[in-house]
Amino acid sequence: MNHPKYWFLVLFLLLFGCSQKQPPTLTATTSSPVYDEKADAHRDVAVAIANAEGSQRNIVLIFGANW
């Protein structure tokens, strides 16, 4: 990786990534919940499984909570 074009690419990606506007951070005073508190997780997972079986795909289950 001693070629100048690779160093230029790495430098460009580093500068481009650092120059992007950062998303606002969540604080303890945030009043709007991140996750839908009325969502039916069992129904959502069942629908995802049915869709995955029909299209021969895998499921990635990501979950969280409003703590």
N, C-alpha and C. Protein backbone atom coordinates (compact mmCIF):
# COMPACT_ATOMS: atom_id res chain seq x y z
N MET A 1 0.83 -1.19 0.00
CA MET A 1 0.00 0.00 0.00
C MET A 1 0.87 1.24 0.00
N ASN A 2 1.94 1.19 -0.67
CA ASN A 2 2.84 2.34 -0.75
C ASN A 2 2.53 3.23 -1.94
N HIS A 3 1.53 2.88 -2.73
CA HIS A 3 1.19 3.69 -3.88
C HIS A 3 0.48 4.97 -3.44
N PRO A 4 0.84 6.10 -4.03
CA PRO A 4 0.22 7.38 -3.64
C PRO A 4 -1.30 7.40 -3.85
N LYS A 5 -1.79 6.70 -4.86
CA LYS A 5 -3.23 6.74 -5.10
C LYS A 5 -4.00 6.08 -3.95
N TYR A 6 -3.42 5.07 -3.31
CA TYR A 6 -4.10 4.46 -2.18
C TYR A 6 -4.10 5.40 -0.97
N TRP A 7 -3.01 6.08 -0.76
CA TRP A 7 -2.96 7.03 0.35
C TRP A 7 -3.94 8.18 0.13
N PHE A 8 -4.06 8.62 -1.15
CA PHE A 8 -5.01 9.68 -1.46
C PHE A 8 -6.43 9.21 -1.20
N LEU A 9 -6.73 7.97 -1.57
CA LEU A 9 -8.06 7.42 -1.34
C LEU A 9 -8.38 7.33 0.15
N VAL A 10 -7.43 6.85 0.94
CA VAL A 10 -7.63 6.74 2.38
C VAL A 10 -7.82 8.13 3.00
N LEU A 11 -7.01 9.08 2.60
CA LEU A 11 -7.13 10.44 3.12
C LEU A 11 -8.46 11.05 2.72
N PHE A 12 -8.87 10.86 1.47
CA PHE A 12 -10.14 11.39 1.01
C PHE A 12 -11.31 10.81 1.81
N LEU A 13 -11.32 9.49 1.99
CA LEU A 13 -12.41 8.86 2.74
C LEU A 13 -12.43 9.32 4.18
N LEU A 14 -11.28 9.49 4.78
CA LEU A 14 -11.20 9.96 6.16
C LEU A 14 -11.74 11.37 6.27
N LEU A 15 -11.32 12.26 5.38
CA LEU A 15 -11.79 13.64 5.43
C LEU A 15 -13.27 13.74 5.09
N PHE A 16 -13.72 12.96 4.12
CA PHE A 16 -15.13 12.98 3.75
C PHE A 16 -16.00 12.48 4.89
N GLY A 17 -15.58 11.42 5.55
CA GLY A 17 -16.34 10.87 6.67
C GLY A 17 -16.39 11.81 7.86
N CYS A 18 -15.32 12.52 8.11
CA CYS A 18 -15.28 13.45 9.24
C CYS A 18 -16.01 14.75 8.95
N SER A 19 -16.20 15.08 7.68
CA SER A 19 -16.82 16.36 7.35
C SER A 19 -18.34 16.28 7.34
N GLN A 20 -18.90 15.08 7.37
CA GLN A 20 -20.34 14.93 7.34
C GLN A 20 -20.96 15.42 8.65
N LYS A 21 -22.16 15.97 8.56
CA LYS A 21 -22.85 16.46 9.74
C LYS A 21 -23.23 15.28 10.62
N GLN A 22 -22.90 15.36 11.87
CA GLN A 22 -23.19 14.29 12.80
C GLN A 22 -24.65 14.36 13.23
N PRO A 23 -25.31 13.21 13.42
CA PRO A 23 -26.69 13.23 13.88
C PRO A 23 -26.77 13.74 15.31
N PRO A 24 -27.89 14.34 15.68
CA PRO A 24 -28.01 14.83 17.05
C PRO A 24 -27.97 13.67 18.04
N THR A 25 -27.32 13.88 19.15
CA THR A 25 -27.24 12.84 20.16
C THR A 25 -28.48 12.88 21.03
N LEU A 26 -28.87 11.71 21.49
CA LEU A 26 -30.03 11.63 22.37
C LEU A 26 -29.62 12.00 23.78
N THR A 27 -30.43 12.77 24.43
CA THR A 27 -30.17 13.15 25.81
C THR A 27 -31.30 12.65 26.69
N ALA A 28 -31.14 12.79 27.97
CA ALA A 28 -32.15 12.35 28.91
C ALA A 28 -33.41 13.20 28.81
N THR A 29 -33.33 14.37 28.22
CA THR A 29 -34.49 15.25 28.12
C THR A 29 -35.27 15.06 26.82
N THR A 30 -34.88 14.08 26.00
CA THR A 30 -35.60 13.83 24.76
C THR A 30 -36.98 13.29 25.10
N SER A 31 -38.01 13.94 24.58
CA SER A 31 -39.36 13.56 24.95
C SER A 31 -39.98 12.54 24.00
N SER A 32 -39.52 12.46 22.75
CA SER A 32 -40.12 11.52 21.82
C SER A 32 -39.42 10.16 21.92
N PRO A 33 -40.20 9.08 22.00
CA PRO A 33 -39.59 7.75 22.10
C PRO A 33 -38.95 7.33 20.78
N VAL A 34 -37.91 6.54 20.89
CA VAL A 34 -37.19 6.07 19.71
C VAL A 34 -37.96 4.94 19.05
N TYR A 35 -38.50 4.03 19.84
CA TYR A 35 -39.23 2.87 19.35
C TYR A 35 -40.73 3.07 19.55
N ASP A 36 -41.52 2.48 18.65
CA ASP A 36 -42.98 2.56 18.74
C ASP A 36 -43.45 1.74 19.94
N GLU A 37 -44.02 2.40 20.90
CA GLU A 37 -44.44 1.71 22.13
C GLU A 37 -45.71 0.89 21.93
N LYS A 38 -46.44 1.11 20.84
CA LYS A 38 -47.68 0.39 20.58
C LYS A 38 -47.50 -0.73 19.56
N ALA A 39 -46.27 -0.99 19.17
CA ALA A 39 -46.01 -2.02 18.17
C ALA A 39 -46.24 -3.40 18.78
N ASP A 40 -46.74 -4.32 17.93
CA ASP A 40 -46.97 -5.70 18.35
C ASP A 40 -45.80 -6.54 17.83
N ALA A 41 -44.85 -6.80 18.70
CA ALA A 41 -43.62 -7.49 18.30
C ALA A 41 -43.89 -8.90 17.79
N HIS A 42 -44.80 -9.61 18.43
CA HIS A 42 -45.10 -10.99 18.01
C HIS A 42 -45.66 -11.00 16.57
N ARG A 43 -46.55 -10.07 16.26
CA ARG A 43 -47.12 -9.99 14.93
C ARG A 43 -46.05 -9.59 13.92
N ASP A 44 -45.21 -8.62 14.26
CA ASP A 44 -44.16 -8.16 13.34
C ASP A 44 -43.17 -9.27 13.02
N VAL A 45 -42.79 -10.06 14.02
CA VAL A 45 -41.86 -11.17 13.80
C VAL A 45 -42.52 -12.25 12.96
N ALA A 46 -43.80 -12.54 13.23
CA ALA A 46 -44.51 -13.55 12.45
C ALA A 46 -44.61 -13.13 10.98
N VAL A 47 -44.88 -11.87 10.72
CA VAL A 47 -44.95 -11.38 9.34
C VAL A 47 -43.58 -11.47 8.68
N ALA A 48 -42.53 -11.15 9.40
CA ALA A 48 -41.17 -11.23 8.84
C ALA A 48 -40.81 -12.67 8.50
N ILE A 49 -41.18 -13.61 9.37
CA ILE A 49 -40.90 -15.03 9.11
C ILE A 49 -41.67 -15.51 7.89
N ALA A 50 -42.93 -15.11 7.78
CA ALA A 50 -43.74 -15.52 6.63
C ALA A 50 -43.15 -14.96 5.34
N ASN A 51 -42.74 -13.71 5.36
CA ASN A 51 -42.13 -13.11 4.16
C ASN A 51 -40.81 -13.78 3.81
N ALA A 52 -40.01 -14.11 4.82
CA ALA A 52 -38.72 -14.74 4.58
C ALA A 52 -38.87 -16.15 4.02
N GLU A 53 -39.85 -16.89 4.52
CA GLU A 53 -40.06 -18.24 4.01
C GLU A 53 -40.51 -18.21 2.56
N GLY A 54 -41.33 -17.23 2.22
CA GLY A 54 -41.82 -17.14 0.84
C GLY A 54 -40.74 -16.76 -0.15
N SER A 55 -39.75 -16.02 0.28
CA SER A 55 -38.71 -15.56 -0.63
C SER A 55 -37.37 -16.26 -0.40
N GLN A 56 -37.35 -17.28 0.46
CA GLN A 56 -36.13 -18.05 0.73
C GLN A 56 -35.00 -17.16 1.22
N ARG A 57 -35.31 -16.28 2.19
CA ARG A 57 -34.30 -15.38 2.75
C ARG A 57 -34.20 -15.56 4.26
N ASN A 58 -33.13 -15.02 4.82
CA ASN A 58 -32.93 -15.04 6.26
C ASN A 58 -33.52 -13.79 6.89
N ILE A 59 -33.64 -13.81 8.21
CA ILE A 59 -34.18 -12.69 8.96
C ILE A 59 -33.10 -12.16 9.88
N VAL A 60 -32.96 -10.84 9.94
CA VAL A 60 -32.09 -10.19 10.92
C VAL A 60 -33.02 -9.46 11.89
N LEU A 61 -33.03 -9.91 13.12
CA LEU A 61 -33.92 -9.33 14.13
C LEU A 61 -33.13 -8.35 14.98
N ILE A 62 -33.52 -7.10 14.92
CA ILE A 62 -32.89 -6.04 15.71
C ILE A 62 -33.96 -5.50 16.66
N PHE A 63 -33.66 -5.49 17.93
CA PHE A 63 -34.66 -5.03 18.88
C PHE A 63 -34.03 -4.08 19.89
N GLY A 64 -34.88 -3.30 20.51
CA GLY A 64 -34.43 -2.35 21.50
C GLY A 64 -35.62 -1.92 22.35
N ALA A 65 -35.39 -0.95 23.19
CA ALA A 65 -36.45 -0.46 24.07
C ALA A 65 -36.23 1.00 24.39
N ASN A 66 -37.29 1.67 24.78
CA ASN A 66 -37.22 3.07 25.24
C ASN A 66 -36.95 3.04 26.74
N TRP A 67 -35.69 3.10 27.11
CA TRP A 67 -35.34 3.00 28.53
C TRP A 67 -35.30 4.34 29.10
